[in-house]
PDB file of N, CA and C in Angstrom:
ATOM      1  N   GLN A   1     -20.987   1.228  -0.485  1.00  0.00           N
ATOM      2  CA  GLN A   1     -19.703   0.564  -0.618  1.00  0.00           C
ATOM      3  C   GLN A   1     -18.588   1.581  -0.413  1.00  0.00           C
ATOM      4  N   VAL A   2     -17.566   1.146   0.285  1.00  0.00           N
ATOM      5  CA  VAL A   2     -16.434   2.026   0.556  1.00  0.00           C
ATOM      6  C   VAL A   2     -15.597   2.187  -0.711  1.00  0.00           C
ATOM      7  N   GLN A   3     -15.159   3.395  -1.000  1.00  0.00           N
ATOM      8  CA  GLN A   3     -14.289   3.639  -2.143  1.00  0.00           C
ATOM      9  C   GLN A   3     -12.874   3.896  -1.668  1.00  0.00           C
ATOM     10  N   LEU A   4     -11.930   3.232  -2.315  1.00  0.00           N
ATOM     11  CA  LEU A   4     -10.523   3.374  -1.998  1.00  0.00           C
ATOM     12  C   LEU A   4      -9.806   3.907  -3.231  1.00  0.00           C
ATOM     13  N   ARG A   5      -8.902   4.843  -3.034  1.00  0.00           N
ATOM     14  CA  ARG A   5      -8.180   5.402  -4.163  1.00  0.00           C
ATOM     15  C   ARG A   5      -6.704   5.522  -3.801  1.00  0.00           C
ATOM     16  N   GLU A   6      -5.895   4.742  -4.508  1.00  0.00           N
ATOM     17  CA  GLU A   6      -4.453   4.790  -4.300  1.00  0.00           C
ATOM     18  C   GLU A   6      -3.837   5.926  -5.106  1.00  0.00           C
ATOM     19  N   SER A   7      -2.781   6.489  -4.588  1.00  0.00           N
ATOM     20  CA  SER A   7      -2.053   7.510  -5.319  1.00  0.00           C
ATOM     21  C   SER A   7      -0.588   7.453  -4.932  1.00  0.00           C
ATOM     22  N   GLY A   8       0.246   7.890  -5.865  1.00  0.00           N
ATOM     23  CA  GLY A   8       1.677   7.856  -5.623  1.00  0.00           C
ATOM     24  C   GLY A   8       2.413   8.492  -6.775  1.00  0.00           C
ATOM     25  N   PRO A   9       3.741   8.426  -6.764  1.00  0.00           N
ATOM     26  CA  PRO A   9       4.559   9.167  -7.725  1.00  0.00           C
ATOM     27  C   PRO A   9       4.579   8.567  -9.123  1.00  0.00           C
ATOM     28  N   GLY A  10       4.250   7.273  -9.246  1.00  0.00           N
ATOM     29  CA  GLY A  10       4.297   6.661 -10.571  1.00  0.00           C
ATOM     30  C   GLY A  10       5.678   6.178 -10.953  1.00  0.00           C
ATOM     31  N   LEU A  11       6.684   7.029 -10.803  1.00  0.00           N
ATOM     32  CA  LEU A  11       8.049   6.686 -11.173  1.00  0.00           C
ATOM     33  C   LEU A  11       8.962   6.989  -9.996  1.00  0.00           C
ATOM     34  N   VAL A  12       9.748   6.004  -9.608  1.00  0.00           N
ATOM     35  CA  VAL A  12      10.692   6.151  -8.510  1.00  0.00           C
ATOM     36  C   VAL A  12      12.057   5.636  -8.982  1.00  0.00           C
ATOM     37  N   LYS A  13      13.113   6.288  -8.520  1.00  0.00           N
ATOM     38  CA  LYS A  13      14.455   5.870  -8.894  1.00  0.00           C
ATOM     39  C   LYS A  13      14.942   4.773  -7.945  1.00  0.00           C
ATOM     40  N   PRO A  14      15.772   3.885  -8.438  1.00  0.00           N
ATOM     41  CA  PRO A  14      16.343   2.851  -7.563  1.00  0.00           C
ATOM     42  C   PRO A  14      17.019   3.473  -6.345  1.00  0.00           C
ATOM     43  N   SER A  15      16.877   2.799  -5.225  1.00  0.00           N
ATOM     44  CA  SER A  15      17.415   3.167  -3.916  1.00  0.00           C
ATOM     45  C   SER A  15      16.564   4.217  -3.194  1.00  0.00           C
ATOM     46  N   GLN A  16      15.610   4.822  -3.880  1.00  0.00           N
ATOM     47  CA  GLN A  16      14.753   5.808  -3.223  1.00  0.00           C
ATOM     48  C   GLN A  16      13.650   5.125  -2.418  1.00  0.00           C
ATOM     49  N   THR A  17      12.914   5.945  -1.669  1.00  0.00           N
ATOM     50  CA  THR A  17      11.774   5.450  -0.899  1.00  0.00           C
ATOM     51  C   THR A  17      10.479   5.722  -1.651  1.00  0.00           C
ATOM     52  N   LEU A  18       9.683   4.679  -1.791  1.00  0.00           N
ATOM     53  CA  LEU A  18       8.369   4.791  -2.414  1.00  0.00           C
ATOM     54  C   LEU A  18       7.331   5.101  -1.344  1.00  0.00           C
ATOM     55  N   SER A  19       6.533   6.133  -1.595  1.00  0.00           N
ATOM     56  CA  SER A  19       5.462   6.485  -0.666  1.00  0.00           C
ATOM     57  C   SER A  19       4.135   6.500  -1.409  1.00  0.00           C
ATOM     58  N   LEU A  20       3.202   5.693  -0.944  1.00  0.00           N
ATOM     59  CA  LEU A  20       1.879   5.607  -1.546  1.00  0.00           C
ATOM     60  C   LEU A  20       0.820   5.912  -0.497  1.00  0.00           C
ATOM     61  N   THR A  21      -0.281   6.456  -0.954  1.00  0.00           N
ATOM     62  CA  THR A  21      -1.399   6.690  -0.055  1.00  0.00           C
ATOM     63  C   THR A  21      -2.671   6.055  -0.613  1.00  0.00           C
ATOM     64  N   CYS A  22      -3.527   5.650   0.289  1.00  0.00           N
ATOM     65  CA  CYS A  22      -4.835   5.119  -0.050  1.00  0.00           C
ATOM     66  C   CYS A  22      -5.859   6.017   0.653  1.00  0.00           C
ATOM     67  N   THR A  23      -6.641   6.733  -0.119  1.00  0.00           N
ATOM     68  CA  THR A  23      -7.645   7.622   0.447  1.00  0.00           C
ATOM     69  C   THR A  23      -8.979   6.890   0.503  1.00  0.00           C
ATOM     70  N   VAL A  24      -9.588   6.924   1.674  1.00  0.00           N
ATOM     71  CA  VAL A  24     -10.794   6.141   1.951  1.00  0.00           C
ATOM     72  C   VAL A  24     -12.001   7.064   2.035  1.00  0.00           C
ATOM     73  N   SER A  25     -13.093   6.668   1.353  1.00  0.00           N
ATOM     74  CA  SER A  25     -14.266   7.546   1.298  1.00  0.00           C
ATOM     75  C   SER A  25     -14.977   7.665   2.638  1.00  0.00           C
ATOM     76  N   ASP A  26     -14.907   6.634   3.443  1.00  0.00           N
ATOM     77  CA  ASP A  26     -15.544   6.638   4.750  1.00  0.00           C
ATOM     78  C   ASP A  26     -14.464   6.682   5.827  1.00  0.00           C
ATOM     79  N   GLY A  27     -14.195   7.853   6.309  1.00  0.00           N
ATOM     80  CA  GLY A  27     -13.113   8.027   7.268  1.00  0.00           C
ATOM     81  C   GLY A  27     -13.333   7.318   8.587  1.00  0.00           C
ATOM     82  N   SER A  28     -14.578   7.007   8.910  1.00  0.00           N
ATOM     83  CA  SER A  28     -14.855   6.344  10.187  1.00  0.00           C
ATOM     84  C   SER A  28     -14.282   4.934  10.221  1.00  0.00           C
ATOM     85  N   LEU A  29     -13.922   4.410   9.050  1.00  0.00           N
ATOM     86  CA  LEU A  29     -13.384   3.053   8.982  1.00  0.00           C
ATOM     87  C   LEU A  29     -11.875   2.995   9.186  1.00  0.00           C
ATOM     88  N   ILE A  30     -11.213   4.140   9.146  1.00  0.00           N
ATOM     89  CA  ILE A  30      -9.746   4.145   9.183  1.00  0.00           C
ATOM     90  C   ILE A  30      -9.225   3.407  10.405  1.00  0.00           C
ATOM     91  N   THR A  31      -9.758   3.683  11.547  1.00  0.00           N
ATOM     92  CA  THR A  31      -9.251   3.066  12.772  1.00  0.00           C
ATOM     93  C   THR A  31     -10.107   1.896  13.242  1.00  0.00           C
ATOM     94  N   ASN A  32     -11.087   1.513  12.431  1.00  0.00           N
ATOM     95  CA  ASN A  32     -11.970   0.411  12.820  1.00  0.00           C
ATOM     96  C   ASN A  32     -11.847  -0.807  11.914  1.00  0.00           C
ATOM     97  N   SER A  33     -10.887  -0.789  11.013  1.00  0.00           N
ATOM     98  CA  SER A  33     -10.759  -1.872  10.035  1.00  0.00           C
ATOM     99  C   SER A  33      -9.307  -2.299   9.890  1.00  0.00           C
ATOM    100  N   TYR A  34      -9.161  -3.526   9.389  1.00  0.00           N
ATOM    101  CA  TYR A  34      -7.869  -3.953   8.869  1.00  0.00           C
ATOM    102  C   TYR A  34      -7.680  -3.285   7.501  1.00  0.00           C
ATOM    103  N   TRP A  35      -6.453  -2.894   7.211  1.00  0.00           N
ATOM    104  CA  TRP A  35      -6.121  -2.347   5.902  1.00  0.00           C
ATOM    105  C   TRP A  35      -4.862  -3.035   5.406  1.00  0.00           C
ATOM    106  N   GLU A  36      -4.920  -3.464   4.155  1.00  0.00           N
ATOM    107  CA  GLU A  36      -3.807  -4.203   3.603  1.00  0.00           C
ATOM    108  C   GLU A  36      -3.275  -3.530   2.338  1.00  0.00           C
ATOM    109  N   TRP A  37      -2.012  -3.781   2.074  1.00  0.00           N
ATOM    110  CA  TRP A  37      -1.407  -3.404   0.805  1.00  0.00           C
ATOM    111  C   TRP A  37      -0.975  -4.688   0.095  1.00  0.00           C
ATOM    112  N   ILE A  38      -1.286  -4.729  -1.186  1.00  0.00           N
ATOM    113  CA  ILE A  38      -0.974  -5.866  -2.028  1.00  0.00           C
ATOM    114  C   ILE A  38      -0.443  -5.322  -3.344  1.00  0.00           C
ATOM    115  N   ARG A  39       0.447  -6.054  -3.981  1.00  0.00           N
ATOM    116  CA  ARG A  39       0.962  -5.585  -5.267  1.00  0.00           C
ATOM    117  C   ARG A  39       0.978  -6.709  -6.291  1.00  0.00           C
ATOM    118  N   GLN A  40       1.034  -6.316  -7.544  1.00  0.00           N
ATOM    119  CA  GLN A  40       1.113  -7.281  -8.628  1.00  0.00           C
ATOM    120  C   GLN A  40       2.165  -6.829  -9.625  1.00  0.00           C
ATOM    121  N   PRO A  41       3.332  -7.466  -9.597  1.00  0.00           N
ATOM    122  CA  PRO A  41       4.368  -7.150 -10.592  1.00  0.00           C
ATOM    123  C   PRO A  41       3.917  -7.549 -11.985  1.00  0.00           C
ATOM    124  N   PRO A  42       4.505  -6.950 -13.010  1.00  0.00           N
ATOM    125  CA  PRO A  42       4.117  -7.284 -14.386  1.00  0.00           C
ATOM    126  C   PRO A  42       4.271  -8.772 -14.667  1.00  0.00           C
ATOM    127  N   GLY A  43       3.224  -9.376 -15.158  1.00  0.00           N
ATOM    128  CA  GLY A  43       3.275 -10.770 -15.543  1.00  0.00           C
ATOM    129  C   GLY A  43       3.288 -11.764 -14.399  1.00  0.00           C
ATOM    130  N   LYS A  44       3.061 -11.274 -13.177  1.00  0.00           N
ATOM    131  CA  LYS A  44       3.107 -12.155 -12.009  1.00  0.00           C
ATOM    132  C   LYS A  44       1.803 -12.069 -11.216  1.00  0.00           C
ATOM    133  N   GLY A  45       1.701 -12.898 -10.206  1.00  0.00           N
ATOM    134  CA  GLY A  45       0.510 -12.920  -9.374  1.00  0.00           C
ATOM    135  C   GLY A  45       0.549 -11.868  -8.281  1.00  0.00           C
ATOM    136  N   LEU A  46      -0.518 -11.856  -7.495  1.00  0.00           N
ATOM    137  CA  LEU A  46      -0.614 -10.910  -6.399  1.00  0.00           C
ATOM    138  C   LEU A  46       0.367 -11.262  -5.289  1.00  0.00           C
ATOM    139  N   GLU A  47       0.953 -10.237  -4.719  1.00  0.00           N
ATOM    140  CA  GLU A  47       1.899 -10.418  -3.608  1.00  0.00           C
ATOM    141  C   GLU A  47       1.437  -9.581  -2.427  1.00  0.00           C
ATOM    142  N   TRP A  48       1.238 -10.232  -1.297  1.00  0.00           N
ATOM    143  CA  TRP A  48       0.826  -9.521  -0.094  1.00  0.00           C
ATOM    144  C   TRP A  48       2.009  -8.770   0.496  1.00  0.00           C
ATOM    145  N   ILE A  49       1.796  -7.506   0.839  1.00  0.00           N
ATOM    146  CA  ILE A  49       2.853  -6.689   1.426  1.00  0.00           C
ATOM    147  C   ILE A  49       2.719  -6.634   2.940  1.00  0.00           C
ATOM    148  N   GLY A  50       1.510  -6.330   3.417  1.00  0.00           N
ATOM    149  CA  GLY A  50       1.322  -6.241   4.855  1.00  0.00           C
ATOM    150  C   GLY A  50      -0.019  -5.642   5.206  1.00  0.00           C
ATOM    151  N   TYR A  51      -0.286  -5.547   6.499  1.00  0.00           N
ATOM    152  CA  TYR A  51      -1.521  -4.918   6.936  1.00  0.00           C
ATOM    153  C   TYR A  51      -1.323  -4.136   8.231  1.00  0.00           C
ATOM    154  N   ILE A  52      -2.311  -3.296   8.509  1.00  0.00           N
ATOM    155  CA  ILE A  52      -2.384  -2.582   9.774  1.00  0.00           C
ATOM    156  C   ILE A  52      -3.719  -2.933  10.406  1.00  0.00           C
ATOM    157  N   ARG A  53      -3.676  -3.277  11.691  1.00  0.00           N
ATOM    158  CA  ARG A  53      -4.880  -3.667  12.418  1.00  0.00           C
ATOM    159  C   ARG A  53      -5.583  -2.436  12.989  1.00  0.00           C
ATOM    160  N   PRO A  54      -6.833  -2.593  13.435  1.00  0.00           N
ATOM    161  CA  PRO A  54      -7.495  -1.469  14.118  1.00  0.00           C
ATOM    162  C   PRO A  54      -6.687  -0.954  15.315  1.00  0.00           C
ATOM    163  N   SER A  55      -5.956  -1.848  15.960  1.00  0.00           N
ATOM    164  CA  SER A  55      -5.143  -1.442  17.107  1.00  0.00           C
ATOM    165  C   SER A  55      -3.957  -0.574  16.708  1.00  0.00           C
ATOM    166  N   GLY A  56      -3.618  -0.605  15.416  1.00  0.00           N
ATOM    167  CA  GLY A  56      -2.430   0.098  14.951  1.00  0.00           C
ATOM    168  C   GLY A  56      -1.233  -0.806  14.769  1.00  0.00           C
ATOM    169  N   ASP A  57      -1.340  -2.030  15.264  1.00  0.00           N
ATOM    170  CA  ASP A  57      -0.267  -3.002  15.049  1.00  0.00           C
ATOM    171  C   ASP A  57      -0.171  -3.349  13.570  1.00  0.00           C
ATOM    172  N   THR A  58       1.022  -3.669  13.142  1.00  0.00           N
ATOM    173  CA  THR A  58       1.248  -3.995  11.741  1.00  0.00           C
ATOM    174  C   THR A  58       1.891  -5.368  11.597  1.00  0.00           C
ATOM    175  N   SER A  59       1.751  -5.918  10.405  1.00  0.00           N
ATOM    176  CA  SER A  59       2.379  -7.184  10.073  1.00  0.00           C
ATOM    177  C   SER A  59       2.783  -7.123   8.605  1.00  0.00           C
ATOM    178  N   TYR A  60       3.948  -7.711   8.287  1.00  0.00           N
ATOM    179  CA  TYR A  60       4.480  -7.603   6.936  1.00  0.00           C
ATOM    180  C   TYR A  60       4.919  -8.954   6.396  1.00  0.00           C
ATOM    181  N   SER A  61       4.973  -9.018   5.070  1.00  0.00           N
ATOM    182  CA  SER A  61       5.546 -10.178   4.417  1.00  0.00           C
ATOM    183  C   SER A  61       7.003 -10.300   4.855  1.00  0.00           C
ATOM    184  N   PRO A  62       7.451 -11.503   5.159  1.00  0.00           N
ATOM    185  CA  PRO A  62       8.854 -11.665   5.573  1.00  0.00           C
ATOM    186  C   PRO A  62       9.846 -11.115   4.550  1.00  0.00           C
ATOM    187  N   SER A  63       9.490 -11.210   3.284  1.00  0.00           N
ATOM    188  CA  SER A  63      10.421 -10.757   2.243  1.00  0.00           C
ATOM    189  C   SER A  63      10.504  -9.236   2.157  1.00  0.00           C
ATOM    190  N   LEU A  64       9.527  -8.538   2.716  1.00  0.00           N
ATOM    191  CA  LEU A  64       9.504  -7.072   2.636  1.00  0.00           C
ATOM    192  C   LEU A  64       9.573  -6.399   3.999  1.00  0.00           C
ATOM    193  N   LYS A  65       9.609  -7.195   5.048  1.00  0.00           N
ATOM    194  CA  LYS A  65       9.506  -6.657   6.413  1.00  0.00           C
ATOM    195  C   LYS A  65      10.550  -5.596   6.718  1.00  0.00           C
ATOM    196  N   SER A  66      11.762  -5.783   6.184  1.00  0.00           N
ATOM    197  CA  SER A  66      12.835  -4.848   6.511  1.00  0.00           C
ATOM    198  C   SER A  66      12.697  -3.512   5.783  1.00  0.00           C
ATOM    199  N   ARG A  67      11.831  -3.474   4.762  1.00  0.00           N
ATOM    200  CA  ARG A  67      11.743  -2.250   3.956  1.00  0.00           C
ATOM    201  C   ARG A  67      10.361  -1.601   3.962  1.00  0.00           C
ATOM    202  N   ALA A  68       9.335  -2.326   4.395  1.00  0.00           N
ATOM    203  CA  ALA A  68       7.964  -1.818   4.297  1.00  0.00           C
ATOM    204  C   ALA A  68       7.482  -1.228   5.615  1.00  0.00           C
ATOM    205  N   SER A  69       6.636  -0.215   5.484  1.00  0.00           N
ATOM    206  CA  SER A  69       6.017   0.393   6.659  1.00  0.00           C
ATOM    207  C   SER A  69       4.618   0.869   6.280  1.00  0.00           C
ATOM    208  N   ILE A  70       3.625   0.424   7.041  1.00  0.00           N
ATOM    209  CA  ILE A  70       2.240   0.826   6.811  1.00  0.00           C
ATOM    210  C   ILE A  70       1.779   1.651   8.006  1.00  0.00           C
ATOM    211  N   SER A  71       1.154   2.766   7.709  1.00  0.00           N
ATOM    212  CA  SER A  71       0.640   3.637   8.763  1.00  0.00           C
ATOM    213  C   SER A  71      -0.710   4.193   8.333  1.00  0.00           C
ATOM    214  N   ARG A  72      -1.332   4.968   9.193  1.00  0.00           N
ATOM    215  CA  ARG A  72      -2.626   5.549   8.864  1.00  0.00           C
ATOM    216  C   ARG A  72      -2.710   6.966   9.408  1.00  0.00           C
ATOM    217  N   ASP A  73      -3.476   7.777   8.722  1.00  0.00           N
ATOM    218  CA  ASP A  73      -3.674   9.159   9.119  1.00  0.00           C
ATOM    219  C   ASP A  73      -5.176   9.438   9.115  1.00  0.00           C
ATOM    220  N   PRO A  74      -5.855   9.250  10.241  1.00  0.00           N
ATOM    221  CA  PRO A  74      -7.303   9.455  10.280  1.00  0.00           C
ATOM    222  C   PRO A  74      -7.724  10.868   9.908  1.00  0.00           C
ATOM    223  N   SER A  75      -6.872  11.855  10.160  1.00  0.00           N
ATOM    224  CA  SER A  75      -7.231  13.239   9.842  1.00  0.00           C
ATOM    225  C   SER A  75      -7.339  13.461   8.339  1.00  0.00           C
ATOM    226  N   LYS A  76      -6.681  12.588   7.566  1.00  0.00           N
ATOM    227  CA  LYS A  76      -6.717  12.701   6.107  1.00  0.00           C
ATOM    228  C   LYS A  76      -7.494  11.556   5.457  1.00  0.00           C
ATOM    229  N   ASN A  77      -8.060  10.676   6.268  1.00  0.00           N
ATOM    230  CA  ASN A  77      -8.742   9.479   5.742  1.00  0.00           C
ATOM    231  C   ASN A  77      -7.815   8.643   4.871  1.00  0.00           C
ATOM    232  N   GLN A  78      -6.578   8.472   5.311  1.00  0.00           N
ATOM    233  CA  GLN A  78      -5.591   7.804   4.484  1.00  0.00           C
ATOM    234  C   GLN A  78      -4.866   6.665   5.201  1.00  0.00           C
ATOM    235  N   ILE A  79      -4.534   5.673   4.390  1.00  0.00           N
ATOM    236  CA  ILE A  79      -3.623   4.603   4.772  1.00  0.00           C
ATOM    237  C   ILE A  79      -2.368   4.798   3.927  1.00  0.00           C
ATOM    238  N   GLU A  80      -1.210   4.649   4.532  1.00  0.00           N
ATOM    239  CA  GLU A  80       0.029   4.964   3.836  1.00  0.00           C
ATOM    240  C   GLU A  80       0.946   3.742   3.791  1.00  0.00           C
ATOM    241  N   LEU A  81       1.684   3.659   2.704  1.00  0.00           N
ATOM    242  CA  LEU A  81       2.701   2.622   2.551  1.00  0.00           C
ATOM    243  C   LEU A  81       4.007   3.296   2.182  1.00  0.00           C
ATOM    244  N   GLN A  82       5.050   2.932   2.890  1.00  0.00           N
ATOM    245  CA  GLN A  82       6.385   3.345   2.508  1.00  0.00           C
ATOM    246  C   GLN A  82       7.226   2.099   2.259  1.00  0.00           C
ATOM    247  N   LEU A  83       7.994   2.140   1.191  1.00  0.00           N
ATOM    248  CA  LEU A  83       8.888   1.040   0.856  1.00  0.00           C
ATOM    249  C   LEU A  83      10.248   1.642   0.553  1.00  0.00           C
ATOM    250  N   THR A  84      11.221   1.318   1.370  1.00  0.00           N
ATOM    251  CA  THR A  84      12.538   1.926   1.228  1.00  0.00           C
ATOM    252  C   THR A  84      13.421   1.134   0.276  1.00  0.00           C
ATOM    253  N   SER A  85      14.470   1.786  -0.194  1.00  0.00           N
ATOM    254  CA  SER A  85      15.507   1.139  -1.002  1.00  0.00           C
ATOM    255  C   SER A  85      14.920   0.325  -2.148  1.00  0.00           C
ATOM    256  N   VAL A  86      14.069   0.951  -2.935  1.00  0.00           N
ATOM    257  CA  VAL A  86      13.388   0.208  -4.005  1.00  0.00           C
ATOM    258  C   VAL A  86      14.369  -0.212  -5.097  1.00  0.00           C
ATOM    259  N   THR A  87      14.030  -1.299  -5.749  1.00  0.00           N
ATOM    260  CA  THR A  87      14.763  -1.804  -6.902  1.00  0.00           C
ATOM    261  C   THR A  87      13.772  -2.027  -8.034  1.00  0.00           C
ATOM    262  N   PRO A  88      14.233  -2.320  -9.235  1.00  0.00           N
ATOM    263  CA  PRO A  88      13.293  -2.593 -10.333  1.00  0.00           C
ATOM    264  C   PRO A  88      12.320  -3.730 -10.029  1.00  0.00           C
ATOM    265  N   GLU A  89      12.701  -4.619  -9.114  1.00  0.00           N
ATOM    266  CA  GLU A  89      11.815  -5.723  -8.740  1.00  0.00           C
ATOM    267  C   GLU A  89      10.594  -5.238  -7.957  1.00  0.00           C
ATOM    268  N   ASP A  90      10.617  -4.001  -7.502  1.00  0.00           N
ATOM    269  CA  ASP A  90       9.460  -3.441  -6.781  1.00  0.00           C
ATOM    270  C   ASP A  90       8.451  -2.801  -7.727  1.00  0.00           C
ATOM    271  N   ALA A  91       8.747  -2.776  -8.996  1.00  0.00           N
ATOM    272  CA  ALA A  91       7.788  -2.253  -9.967  1.00  0.00           C
ATOM    273  C   ALA A  91       6.550  -3.137  -9.989  1.00  0.00           C
ATOM    274  N   ALA A  92       5.392  -2.515  -9.871  1.00  0.00           N
ATOM    275  CA  ALA A  92       4.148  -3.283  -9.775  1.00  0.00           C
ATOM    276  C   ALA A  92       2.959  -2.331  -9.769  1.00  0.00           C
ATOM    277  N   VAL A  93       1.775  -2.920  -9.852  1.00  0.00           N
ATOM    278  CA  VAL A  93       0.561  -2.179  -9.523  1.00  0.00           C
ATOM    279  C   VAL A  93       0.298  -2.433  -8.044  1.00  0.00           C
ATOM    280  N   TYR A  94       0.164  -1.374  -7.288  1.00  0.00           N
ATOM    281  CA  TYR A  94      -0.038  -1.470  -5.844  1.00  0.00           C
ATOM    282  C   TYR A  94      -1.498  -1.192  -5.515  1.00  0.00           C
ATOM    283  N   TYR A  95      -2.048  -2.079  -4.690  1.00  0.00           N
ATOM    284  CA  TYR A  95      -3.458  -1.986  -4.323  1.00  0.00           C
ATOM    285  C   TYR A  95      -3.619  -1.828  -2.816  1.00  0.00           C
ATOM    286  N   CYS A  96      -4.596  -1.039  -2.469  1.00  0.00           N
ATOM    287  CA  CYS A  96      -5.067  -0.945  -1.099  1.00  0.00           C
ATOM    288  C   CYS A  96      -6.299  -1.842  -0.985  1.00  0.00           C
ATOM    289  N   PHE A  97      -6.416  -2.542   0.126  1.00  0.00           N
ATOM    290  CA  PHE A  97      -7.477  -3.540   0.255  1.00  0.00           C
ATOM    291  C   PHE A  97      -8.014  -3.536   1.668  1.00  0.00           C
ATOM    292  N   ARG A  98      -9.327  -3.515   1.771  1.00  0.00           N
ATOM    293  CA  ARG A  98      -9.982  -3.662   3.069  1.00  0.00           C
ATOM    294  C   ARG A  98     -10.732  -4.991   3.054  1.00  0.00           C
ATOM    295  N   PRO A  99     -10.238  -5.941   3.824  1.00  0.00           N
ATOM    296  CA  PRO A  99     -10.903  -7.261   3.829  1.00  0.00           C
ATOM    297  C   PRO A  99     -12.387  -7.147   4.167  1.00  0.00           C
ATOM    298  N   TRP A 100     -13.247  -7.861   3.396  1.00  0.00           N
ATOM    299  CA  TRP A 100     -12.828  -8.796   2.363  1.00  0.00           C
ATOM    300  C   TRP A 100     -13.375  -8.369   1.012  1.00  0.00           C
ATOM    301  N   SER A 101     -13.835  -7.142   0.891  1.00  0.00           N
ATOM    302  CA  SER A 101     -14.522  -6.835  -0.366  1.00  0.00           C
ATOM    303  C   SER A 101     -14.151  -5.503  -0.995  1.00  0.00           C
ATOM    304  N   ASP A 102     -13.370  -4.689  -0.316  1.00  0.00           N
ATOM    305  CA  ASP A 102     -13.110  -3.344  -0.815  1.00  0.00           C
ATOM    306  C   ASP A 102     -11.683  -3.224  -1.344  1.00  0.00           C
ATOM    307  N   TRP A 103     -11.604  -2.921  -2.662  1.00  0.00           N
ATOM    308  CA  TRP A 103     -10.320  -2.749  -3.339  1.00  0.00           C
ATOM    309  C   TRP A 103     -10.261  -1.369  -3.969  1.00  0.00           C
ATOM    310  N   GLY A 104      -9.064  -0.820  -4.028  1.00  0.00           N
ATOM    311  CA  GLY A 104      -8.839   0.353  -4.844  1.00  0.00           C
ATOM    312  C   GLY A 104      -8.593  -0.074  -6.284  1.00  0.00           C
ATOM    313  N   GLN A 105      -8.458   0.910  -7.171  1.00  0.00           N
ATOM    314  CA  GLN A 105      -8.229   0.608  -8.582  1.00  0.00           C
ATOM    315  C   GLN A 105      -6.762   0.305  -8.861  1.00  0.00           C
ATOM    316  N   GLY A 106      -5.911   0.581  -7.896  1.00  0.00           N
ATOM    317  CA  GLY A 106      -4.484   0.319  -8.049  1.00  0.00           C
ATOM    318  C   GLY A 106      -3.737   1.512  -8.598  1.00  0.00           C
ATOM    319  N   THR A 107      -2.460   1.562  -8.274  1.00  0.00           N
ATOM    320  CA  THR A 107      -1.604   2.608  -8.812  1.00  0.00           C
ATOM    321  C   THR A 107      -0.321   1.974  -9.333  1.00  0.00           C
ATOM    322  N   GLN A 108       0.042   2.328 -10.534  1.00  0.00           N
ATOM    323  CA  GLN A 108       1.225   1.755 -11.183  1.00  0.00           C
ATOM    324  C   GLN A 108       2.485   2.430 -10.657  1.00  0.00           C
ATOM    325  N   VAL A 109       3.462   1.604 -10.333  1.00  0.00           N
ATOM    326  CA  VAL A 109       4.766   2.115  -9.893  1.00  0.00           C
ATOM    327  C   VAL A 109       5.852   1.533 -10.798  1.00  0.00           C
ATOM    328  N   THR A 110       6.644   2.411 -11.357  1.00  0.00           N
ATOM    329  CA  THR A 110       7.808   2.025 -12.162  1.00  0.00           C
ATOM    330  C   THR A 110       9.064   2.438 -11.415  1.00  0.00           C
ATOM    331  N   VAL A 111      10.055   1.567 -11.414  1.00  0.00           N
ATOM    332  CA  VAL A 111      11.328   1.881 -10.770  1.00  0.00           C
ATOM    333  C   VAL A 111      12.401   1.928 -11.860  1.00  0.00           C
ATOM    334  N   SER A 112      12.910   3.113 -12.082  1.00  0.00           N
ATOM    335  CA  SER A 112      13.879   3.292 -13.154  1.00  0.00           C
ATOM    336  C   SER A 112      14.665   4.568 -12.929  1.00  0.00           C
ATOM    337  N   SER A 113      15.935   4.529 -13.339  1.00  0.00           N
ATOM    338  CA  SER A 113      16.750   5.735 -13.241  1.00  0.00           C
ATOM    339  C   SER A 113      16.597   6.592 -14.481  1.00  0.00           C
TER     340      SER A 113
END
């Protein structure tokens, strides 16, 4: 089974850019799989952020499209998420997901000054 591990700063100030990484145990899958980012705000359901295809094309939630960017770095076995101009509403547990069965443990993000 593929292991995914999210990592990030934990605490980000409003208006800053959030950068998260998902490190994948099997690097051969980086460019051969869909990779998605999903988040869960406190007390709310899962929210899809976007994905990157094997081709490198990306797709995002309409509500986050202007601020989200997903990329990949095969040399580091990583999938990356950047979210610009964060607000407290972006506070959530962020998950990396490889359809349809591989999830990371999630990384908590707090947005506060």
